[in-house]
Amino acid sequence: MSLILTLKGPPKLQNAVFSNLTATLMRDDKVAVETRTLEEGTAGPDARVLKQEFRAPMEPGAYTVRVAVPAIELFEPIFAVIGP
């Protein structure tokens, strides 16, 4: 399972430090996996791409990927695992 975060903005975005960015895989409001090191992806002139691979959950249920970027609203898409 891949998380790809594309941030668009002014050229100074290319030099921004995202060491305090977190991506967390949640289930039932509990942390399943958390990472603080997202890899750099291919960026454009007005965009920065960060990505992270997570091991896909096998247990059926509802999950949330919580992405926290300082000064940006928390992003929490929900997805479900139906079965193996």
PDB file of N, CA and C in Angstrom:
ATOM      1  N   MET A   1       0.850  -1.146   0.000  1.00  0.00           N
ATOM      2  CA  MET A   1       0.000   0.000   0.000  1.00  0.00           C
ATOM      3  C   MET A   1       0.908   1.223   0.000  1.00  0.00           C
ATOM      4  N   SER A   2       0.602   2.191  -0.843  1.00  0.00           N
ATOM      5  CA  SER A   2       1.444   3.385  -0.963  1.00  0.00           C
ATOM      6  C   SER A   2       0.683   4.637  -0.557  1.00  0.00           C
ATOM      7  N   LEU A   3       1.354   5.493   0.169  1.00  0.00           N
ATOM      8  CA  LEU A   3       0.861   6.824   0.479  1.00  0.00           C
ATOM      9  C   LEU A   3       1.719   7.785  -0.315  1.00  0.00           C
ATOM     10  N   ILE A   4       1.082   8.610  -1.156  1.00  0.00           N
ATOM     11  CA  ILE A   4       1.814   9.617  -1.928  1.00  0.00           C
ATOM     12  C   ILE A   4       1.206  10.969  -1.597  1.00  0.00           C
ATOM     13  N   LEU A   5       2.023  11.852  -1.068  1.00  0.00           N
ATOM     14  CA  LEU A   5       1.601  13.185  -0.654  1.00  0.00           C
ATOM     15  C   LEU A   5       2.242  14.199  -1.587  1.00  0.00           C
ATOM     16  N   THR A   6       1.412  14.939  -2.330  1.00  0.00           N
ATOM     17  CA  THR A   6       1.915  15.965  -3.244  1.00  0.00           C
ATOM     18  C   THR A   6       1.559  17.330  -2.667  1.00  0.00           C
ATOM     19  N   LEU A   7       2.567  18.122  -2.382  1.00  0.00           N
ATOM     20  CA  LEU A   7       2.383  19.467  -1.848  1.00  0.00           C
ATOM     21  C   LEU A   7       2.735  20.460  -2.940  1.00  0.00           C
ATOM     22  N   LYS A   8       1.816  21.376  -3.236  1.00  0.00           N
ATOM     23  CA  LYS A   8       2.069  22.385  -4.265  1.00  0.00           C
ATOM     24  C   LYS A   8       2.185  23.749  -3.605  1.00  0.00           C
ATOM     25  N   GLY A   9       3.080  24.573  -4.145  1.00  0.00           N
ATOM     26  CA  GLY A   9       3.270  25.894  -3.575  1.00  0.00           C
ATOM     27  C   GLY A   9       4.392  26.638  -4.262  1.00  0.00           C
ATOM     28  N   PRO A  10       4.868  27.698  -3.638  1.00  0.00           N
ATOM     29  CA  PRO A  10       5.916  28.524  -4.226  1.00  0.00           C
ATOM     30  C   PRO A  10       7.247  27.764  -4.289  1.00  0.00           C
ATOM     31  N   PRO A  11       8.204  28.275  -5.063  1.00  0.00           N
ATOM     32  CA  PRO A  11       9.513  27.602  -5.211  1.00  0.00           C
ATOM     33  C   PRO A  11      10.220  27.300  -3.886  1.00  0.00           C
ATOM     34  N   LYS A  12      10.027  28.107  -2.851  1.00  0.00           N
ATOM     35  CA  LYS A  12      10.695  27.851  -1.575  1.00  0.00           C
ATOM     36  C   LYS A  12      10.234  26.539  -0.930  1.00  0.00           C
ATOM     37  N   LEU A  13       9.123  25.969  -1.433  1.00  0.00           N
ATOM     38  CA  LEU A  13       8.659  24.670  -0.948  1.00  0.00           C
ATOM     39  C   LEU A  13       9.706  23.586  -1.205  1.00  0.00           C
ATOM     40  N   GLN A  14      10.495  23.741  -2.272  1.00  0.00           N
ATOM     41  CA  GLN A  14      11.507  22.744  -2.614  1.00  0.00           C
ATOM     42  C   GLN A  14      12.561  22.595  -1.525  1.00  0.00           C
ATOM     43  N   ASN A  15      12.794  23.652  -0.745  1.00  0.00           N
ATOM     44  CA  ASN A  15      13.815  23.615   0.312  1.00  0.00           C
ATOM     45  C   ASN A  15      13.228  23.405   1.706  1.00  0.00           C
ATOM     46  N   ALA A  16      11.914  23.244   1.786  1.00  0.00           N
ATOM     47  CA  ALA A  16      11.269  23.071   3.091  1.00  0.00           C
ATOM     48  C   ALA A  16      11.707  21.753   3.727  1.00  0.00           C
ATOM     49  N   VAL A  17      11.796  21.759   5.044  1.00  0.00           N
ATOM     50  CA  VAL A  17      12.177  20.564   5.796  1.00  0.00           C
ATOM     51  C   VAL A  17      10.906  19.952   6.379  1.00  0.00           C
ATOM     52  N   PHE A  18      10.692  18.684   6.102  1.00  0.00           N
ATOM     53  CA  PHE A  18       9.502  18.001   6.589  1.00  0.00           C
ATOM     54  C   PHE A  18       9.852  16.903   7.587  1.00  0.00           C
ATOM     55  N   SER A  19      10.847  17.137   8.408  1.00  0.00           N
ATOM     56  CA  SER A  19      11.278  16.122   9.371  1.00  0.00           C
ATOM     57  C   SER A  19      10.236  15.870  10.460  1.00  0.00           C
ATOM     58  N   ASN A  20       9.300  16.801  10.658  1.00  0.00           N
ATOM     59  CA  ASN A  20       8.284  16.608  11.683  1.00  0.00           C
ATOM     60  C   ASN A  20       6.932  16.211  11.093  1.00  0.00           C
ATOM     61  N   LEU A  21       6.923  15.735   9.866  1.00  0.00           N
ATOM     62  CA  LEU A  21       5.724  15.225   9.228  1.00  0.00           C
ATOM     63  C   LEU A  21       5.527  13.774   9.669  1.00  0.00           C
ATOM     64  N   THR A  22       4.292  13.384   9.970  1.00  0.00           N
ATOM     65  CA  THR A  22       4.025  12.002  10.360  1.00  0.00           C
ATOM     66  C   THR A  22       2.928  11.403   9.490  1.00  0.00           C
ATOM     67  N   ALA A  23       3.036  10.129   9.245  1.00  0.00           N
ATOM     68  CA  ALA A  23       2.004   9.351   8.571  1.00  0.00           C
ATOM     69  C   ALA A  23       1.715   8.148   9.451  1.00  0.00           C
ATOM     70  N   THR A  24       0.456   7.969   9.816  1.00  0.00           N
ATOM     71  CA  THR A  24       0.087   6.930  10.759  1.00  0.00           C
ATOM     72  C   THR A  24      -1.061   6.102  10.205  1.00  0.00           C
ATOM     73  N   LEU A  25      -0.933   4.799  10.245  1.00  0.00           N
ATOM     74  CA  LEU A  25      -2.012   3.895   9.876  1.00  0.00           C
ATOM     75  C   LEU A  25      -2.750   3.538  11.160  1.00  0.00           C
ATOM     76  N   MET A  26      -4.057   3.842  11.208  1.00  0.00           N
ATOM     77  CA  MET A  26      -4.848   3.669  12.430  1.00  0.00           C
ATOM     78  C   MET A  26      -5.943   2.629  12.218  1.00  0.00           C
ATOM     79  N   ARG A  27      -6.275   1.938  13.293  1.00  0.00           N
ATOM     80  CA  ARG A  27      -7.445   1.055  13.298  1.00  0.00           C
ATOM     81  C   ARG A  27      -8.096   1.161  14.659  1.00  0.00           C
ATOM     82  N   ASP A  28      -9.387   1.436  14.679  1.00  0.00           N
ATOM     83  CA  ASP A  28     -10.131   1.590  15.936  1.00  0.00           C
ATOM     84  C   ASP A  28      -9.471   2.610  16.861  1.00  0.00           C
ATOM     85  N   ASP A  29      -9.029   3.723  16.288  1.00  0.00           N
ATOM     86  CA  ASP A  29      -8.368   4.808  17.035  1.00  0.00           C
ATOM     87  C   ASP A  29      -7.076   4.369  17.718  1.00  0.00           C
ATOM     88  N   LYS A  30      -6.479   3.275  17.260  1.00  0.00           N
ATOM     89  CA  LYS A  30      -5.191   2.813  17.793  1.00  0.00           C
ATOM     90  C   LYS A  30      -4.174   2.810  16.662  1.00  0.00           C
ATOM     91  N   VAL A  31      -2.945   3.122  16.994  1.00  0.00           N
ATOM     92  CA  VAL A  31      -1.874   3.166  15.991  1.00  0.00           C
ATOM     93  C   VAL A  31      -1.494   1.747  15.581  1.00  0.00           C
ATOM     94  N   ALA A  32      -1.557   1.481  14.278  1.00  0.00           N
ATOM     95  CA  ALA A  32      -1.104   0.193  13.743  1.00  0.00           C
ATOM     96  C   ALA A  32       0.343   0.334  13.272  1.00  0.00           C
ATOM     97  N   VAL A  33       0.635   1.435  12.549  1.00  0.00           N
ATOM     98  CA  VAL A  33       1.985   1.715  12.048  1.00  0.00           C
ATOM     99  C   VAL A  33       2.164   3.224  12.020  1.00  0.00           C
ATOM    100  N   GLU A  34       3.323   3.720  12.468  1.00  0.00           N
ATOM    101  CA  GLU A  34       3.622   5.151  12.383  1.00  0.00           C
ATOM    102  C   GLU A  34       5.007   5.324  11.782  1.00  0.00           C
ATOM    103  N   THR A  35       5.134   6.338  10.938  1.00  0.00           N
ATOM    104  CA  THR A  35       6.434   6.640  10.354  1.00  0.00           C
ATOM    105  C   THR A  35       6.675   8.139  10.399  1.00  0.00           C
ATOM    106  N   ARG A  36       7.910   8.527  10.530  1.00  0.00           N
ATOM    107  CA  ARG A  36       8.289   9.933  10.495  1.00  0.00           C
ATOM    108  C   ARG A  36       9.263  10.214   9.368  1.00  0.00           C
ATOM    109  N   THR A  37       9.587   9.213   8.584  1.00  0.00           N
ATOM    110  CA  THR A  37      10.541   9.399   7.494  1.00  0.00           C
ATOM    111  C   THR A  37       9.857   9.051   6.183  1.00  0.00           C
ATOM    112  N   LEU A  38       9.374  10.054   5.483  1.00  0.00           N
ATOM    113  CA  LEU A  38       8.787   9.821   4.176  1.00  0.00           C
ATOM    114  C   LEU A  38       9.854  10.045   3.128  1.00  0.00           C
ATOM    115  N   GLU A  39       9.864   9.202   2.115  1.00  0.00           N
ATOM    116  CA  GLU A  39      10.863   9.293   1.063  1.00  0.00           C
ATOM    117  C   GLU A  39      10.495  10.397   0.079  1.00  0.00           C
ATOM    118  N   GLU A  40      11.516  11.004  -0.504  1.00  0.00           N
ATOM    119  CA  GLU A  40      11.294  12.015  -1.526  1.00  0.00           C
ATOM    120  C   GLU A  40      10.898  11.337  -2.827  1.00  0.00           C
ATOM    121  N   GLY A  41       9.861  11.848  -3.467  1.00  0.00           N
ATOM    122  CA  GLY A  41       9.446  11.349  -4.769  1.00  0.00           C
ATOM    123  C   GLY A  41       9.870  12.327  -5.856  1.00  0.00           C
ATOM    124  N   THR A  42       9.409  12.094  -7.065  1.00  0.00           N
ATOM    125  CA  THR A  42       9.720  12.986  -8.179  1.00  0.00           C
ATOM    126  C   THR A  42       8.922  14.274  -8.026  1.00  0.00           C
ATOM    127  N   ALA A  43       9.591  15.398  -8.011  1.00  0.00           N
ATOM    128  CA  ALA A  43       8.940  16.691  -7.808  1.00  0.00           C
ATOM    129  C   ALA A  43       8.923  17.499  -9.095  1.00  0.00           C
ATOM    130  N   GLY A  44       7.992  18.427  -9.173  1.00  0.00           N
ATOM    131  CA  GLY A  44       7.926  19.346 -10.299  1.00  0.00           C
ATOM    132  C   GLY A  44       8.393  20.713  -9.846  1.00  0.00           C
ATOM    133  N   PRO A  45       8.329  21.722 -10.721  1.00  0.00           N
ATOM    134  CA  PRO A  45       8.808  23.058 -10.363  1.00  0.00           C
ATOM    135  C   PRO A  45       7.981  23.723  -9.262  1.00  0.00           C
ATOM    136  N   ASP A  46       6.711  23.340  -9.132  1.00  0.00           N
ATOM    137  CA  ASP A  46       5.859  23.963  -8.116  1.00  0.00           C
ATOM    138  C   ASP A  46       5.280  22.927  -7.157  1.00  0.00           C
ATOM    139  N   ALA A  47       5.914  21.759  -7.079  1.00  0.00           N
ATOM    140  CA  ALA A  47       5.387  20.697  -6.224  1.00  0.00           C
ATOM    141  C   ALA A  47       6.506  19.906  -5.563  1.00  0.00           C
ATOM    142  N   ARG A  48       6.160  19.317  -4.436  1.00  0.00           N
ATOM    143  CA  ARG A  48       7.071  18.436  -3.706  1.00  0.00           C
ATOM    144  C   ARG A  48       6.305  17.161  -3.428  1.00  0.00           C
ATOM    145  N   VAL A  49       6.900  16.026  -3.687  1.00  0.00           N
ATOM    146  CA  VAL A  49       6.234  14.739  -3.512  1.00  0.00           C
ATOM    147  C   VAL A  49       6.952  13.942  -2.432  1.00  0.00           C
ATOM    148  N   LEU A  50       6.180  13.474  -1.457  1.00  0.00           N
ATOM    149  CA  LEU A  50       6.697  12.619  -0.398  1.00  0.00           C
ATOM    150  C   LEU A  50       5.902  11.321  -0.444  1.00  0.00           C
ATOM    151  N   LYS A  51       6.565  10.204  -0.199  1.00  0.00           N
ATOM    152  CA  LYS A  51       5.851   8.936  -0.267  1.00  0.00           C
ATOM    153  C   LYS A  51       6.305   7.983   0.821  1.00  0.00           C
ATOM    154  N   GLN A  52       5.428   7.031   1.119  1.00  0.00           N
ATOM    155  CA  GLN A  52       5.724   6.023   2.126  1.00  0.00           C
ATOM    156  C   GLN A  52       4.990   4.742   1.762  1.00  0.00           C
ATOM    157  N   GLU A  53       5.684   3.640   1.881  1.00  0.00           N
ATOM    158  CA  GLU A  53       5.069   2.331   1.671  1.00  0.00           C
ATOM    159  C   GLU A  53       4.660   1.776   3.033  1.00  0.00           C
ATOM    160  N   PHE A  54       3.444   1.277   3.116  1.00  0.00           N
ATOM    161  CA  PHE A  54       2.961   0.599   4.311  1.00  0.00           C
ATOM    162  C   PHE A  54       2.627  -0.835   3.923  1.00  0.00           C
ATOM    163  N   ARG A  55       2.783  -1.743   4.845  1.00  0.00           N
ATOM    164  CA  ARG A  55       2.322  -3.103   4.602  1.00  0.00           C
ATOM    165  C   ARG A  55       0.796  -3.076   4.692  1.00  0.00           C
ATOM    166  N   ALA A  56       0.142  -3.554   3.657  1.00  0.00           N
ATOM    167  CA  ALA A  56      -1.323  -3.523   3.620  1.00  0.00           C
ATOM    168  C   ALA A  56      -1.894  -4.389   4.737  1.00  0.00           C
ATOM    169  N   PRO A  57      -2.892  -3.873   5.447  1.00  0.00           N
ATOM    170  CA  PRO A  57      -3.497  -4.674   6.508  1.00  0.00           C
ATOM    171  C   PRO A  57      -4.230  -5.882   5.921  1.00  0.00           C
ATOM    172  N   MET A  58      -4.194  -6.988   6.618  1.00  0.00           N
ATOM    173  CA  MET A  58      -4.863  -8.210   6.165  1.00  0.00           C
ATOM    174  C   MET A  58      -6.178  -8.444   6.906  1.00  0.00           C
ATOM    175  N   GLU A  59      -6.283  -7.898   8.106  1.00  0.00           N
ATOM    176  CA  GLU A  59      -7.478  -8.119   8.912  1.00  0.00           C
ATOM    177  C   GLU A  59      -8.617  -7.223   8.434  1.00  0.00           C
ATOM    178  N   PRO A  60      -9.804  -7.792   8.169  1.00  0.00           N
ATOM    179  CA  PRO A  60     -10.935  -6.974   7.714  1.00  0.00           C
ATOM    180  C   PRO A  60     -11.289  -5.899   8.731  1.00  0.00           C
ATOM    181  N   GLY A  61     -11.727  -4.755   8.227  1.00  0.00           N
ATOM    182  CA  GLY A  61     -12.155  -3.670   9.093  1.00  0.00           C
ATOM    183  C   GLY A  61     -11.882  -2.319   8.465  1.00  0.00           C
ATOM    184  N   ALA A  62     -12.268  -1.268   9.183  1.00  0.00           N
ATOM    185  CA  ALA A  62     -12.058   0.110   8.732  1.00  0.00           C
ATOM    186  C   ALA A  62     -10.716   0.620   9.246  1.00  0.00           C
ATOM    187  N   TYR A  63      -9.991   1.312   8.381  1.00  0.00           N
ATOM    188  CA  TYR A  63      -8.677   1.874   8.713  1.00  0.00           C
ATOM    189  C   TYR A  63      -8.638   3.343   8.302  1.00  0.00           C
ATOM    190  N   THR A  64      -7.738   4.082   8.902  1.00  0.00           N
ATOM    191  CA  THR A  64      -7.512   5.478   8.566  1.00  0.00           C
ATOM    192  C   THR A  64      -6.019   5.690   8.388  1.00  0.00           C
ATOM    193  N   VAL A  65      -5.650   6.475   7.384  1.00  0.00           N
ATOM    194  CA  VAL A  65      -4.269   6.924   7.252  1.00  0.00           C
ATOM    195  C   VAL A  65      -4.278   8.383   7.701  1.00  0.00           C
ATOM    196  N   ARG A  66      -3.598   8.673   8.785  1.00  0.00           N
ATOM    197  CA  ARG A  66      -3.563  10.034   9.338  1.00  0.00           C
ATOM    198  C   ARG A  66      -2.247  10.685   8.940  1.00  0.00           C
ATOM    199  N   VAL A  67      -2.349  11.797   8.200  1.00  0.00           N
ATOM    200  CA  VAL A  67      -1.155  12.521   7.771  1.00  0.00           C
ATOM    201  C   VAL A  67      -1.160  13.877   8.474  1.00  0.00           C
ATOM    202  N   ALA A  68      -0.094  14.142   9.223  1.00  0.00           N
ATOM    203  CA  ALA A  68       0.031  15.401   9.956  1.00  0.00           C
ATOM    204  C   ALA A  68       1.223  16.185   9.415  1.00  0.00           C
ATOM    205  N   VAL A  69       0.909  17.333   8.834  1.00  0.00           N
ATOM    206  CA  VAL A  69       1.930  18.253   8.328  1.00  0.00           C
ATOM    207  C   VAL A  69       1.759  19.541   9.124  1.00  0.00           C
ATOM    208  N   PRO A  70       2.790  20.022   9.811  1.00  0.00           N
ATOM    209  CA  PRO A  70       2.662  21.252  10.586  1.00  0.00           C
ATOM    210  C   PRO A  70       2.091  22.394   9.740  1.00  0.00           C
ATOM    211  N   ALA A  71       1.178  23.140  10.322  1.00  0.00           N
ATOM    212  CA  ALA A  71       0.536  24.312   9.716  1.00  0.00           C
ATOM    213  C   ALA A  71      -0.470  23.954   8.612  1.00  0.00           C
ATOM    214  N   ILE A  72      -0.754  22.661   8.435  1.00  0.00           N
ATOM    215  CA  ILE A  72      -1.758  22.229   7.464  1.00  0.00           C
ATOM    216  C   ILE A  72      -2.767  21.359   8.207  1.00  0.00           C
ATOM    217  N   GLU A  73      -4.041  21.493   7.854  1.00  0.00           N
ATOM    218  CA  GLU A  73      -5.093  20.720   8.505  1.00  0.00           C
ATOM    219  C   GLU A  73      -4.822  19.218   8.405  1.00  0.00           C
ATOM    220  N   LEU A  74      -5.122  18.489   9.483  1.00  0.00           N
ATOM    221  CA  LEU A  74      -4.933  17.043   9.530  1.00  0.00           C
ATOM    222  C   LEU A  74      -5.721  16.383   8.403  1.00  0.00           C
ATOM    223  N   PHE A  75      -5.093  15.446   7.705  1.00  0.00           N
ATOM    224  CA  PHE A  75      -5.704  14.745   6.583  1.00  0.00           C
ATOM    225  C   PHE A  75      -5.888  13.290   6.990  1.00  0.00           C
ATOM    226  N   GLU A  76      -7.144  12.783   6.945  1.00  0.00           N
ATOM    227  CA  GLU A  76      -7.426  11.436   7.429  1.00  0.00           C
ATOM    228  C   GLU A  76      -8.375  10.670   6.509  1.00  0.00           C
ATOM    229  N   PRO A  77      -7.901  10.195   5.357  1.00  0.00           N
ATOM    230  CA  PRO A  77      -8.781   9.376   4.523  1.00  0.00           C
ATOM    231  C   PRO A  77      -9.037   8.019   5.174  1.00  0.00           C
ATOM    232  N   ILE A  78     -10.228   7.485   4.955  1.00  0.00           N
ATOM    233  CA  ILE A  78     -10.640   6.208   5.518  1.00  0.00           C
ATOM    234  C   ILE A  78     -10.736   5.181   4.396  1.00  0.00           C
ATOM    235  N   PHE A  79     -10.327   3.946   4.689  1.00  0.00           N
ATOM    236  CA  PHE A  79     -10.496   2.862   3.730  1.00  0.00           C
ATOM    237  C   PHE A  79     -10.864   1.590   4.499  1.00  0.00           C
ATOM    238  N   ALA A  80     -11.351   0.590   3.785  1.00  0.00           N
ATOM    239  CA  ALA A  80     -11.763  -0.646   4.423  1.00  0.00           C
ATOM    240  C   ALA A  80     -11.077  -1.834   3.776  1.00  0.00           C
ATOM    241  N   VAL A  81     -10.800  -2.829   4.605  1.00  0.00           N
ATOM    242  CA  VAL A  81     -10.311  -4.117   4.134  1.00  0.00           C
ATOM    243  C   VAL A  81     -11.492  -5.077   4.260  1.00  0.00           C
ATOM    244  N   ILE A  82     -11.901  -5.661   3.134  1.00  0.00           N
ATOM    245  CA  ILE A  82     -13.065  -6.545   3.129  1.00  0.00           C
ATOM    246  C   ILE A  82     -12.683  -7.972   3.498  1.00  0.00           C
ATOM    247  N   GLY A  83     -11.588  -8.454   2.970  1.00  0.00           N
ATOM    248  CA  GLY A  83     -11.142  -9.820   3.259  1.00  0.00           C
ATOM    249  C   GLY A  83      -9.796 -10.084   2.609  1.00  0.00           C
ATOM    250  N   PRO A  84      -9.166 -11.199   2.961  1.00  0.00           N
ATOM    251  CA  PRO A  84      -7.844 -11.502   2.388  1.00  0.00           C
ATOM    252  C   PRO A  84      -7.917 -11.835   0.911  1.00  0.00           C
TER     253      PRO A  84
END
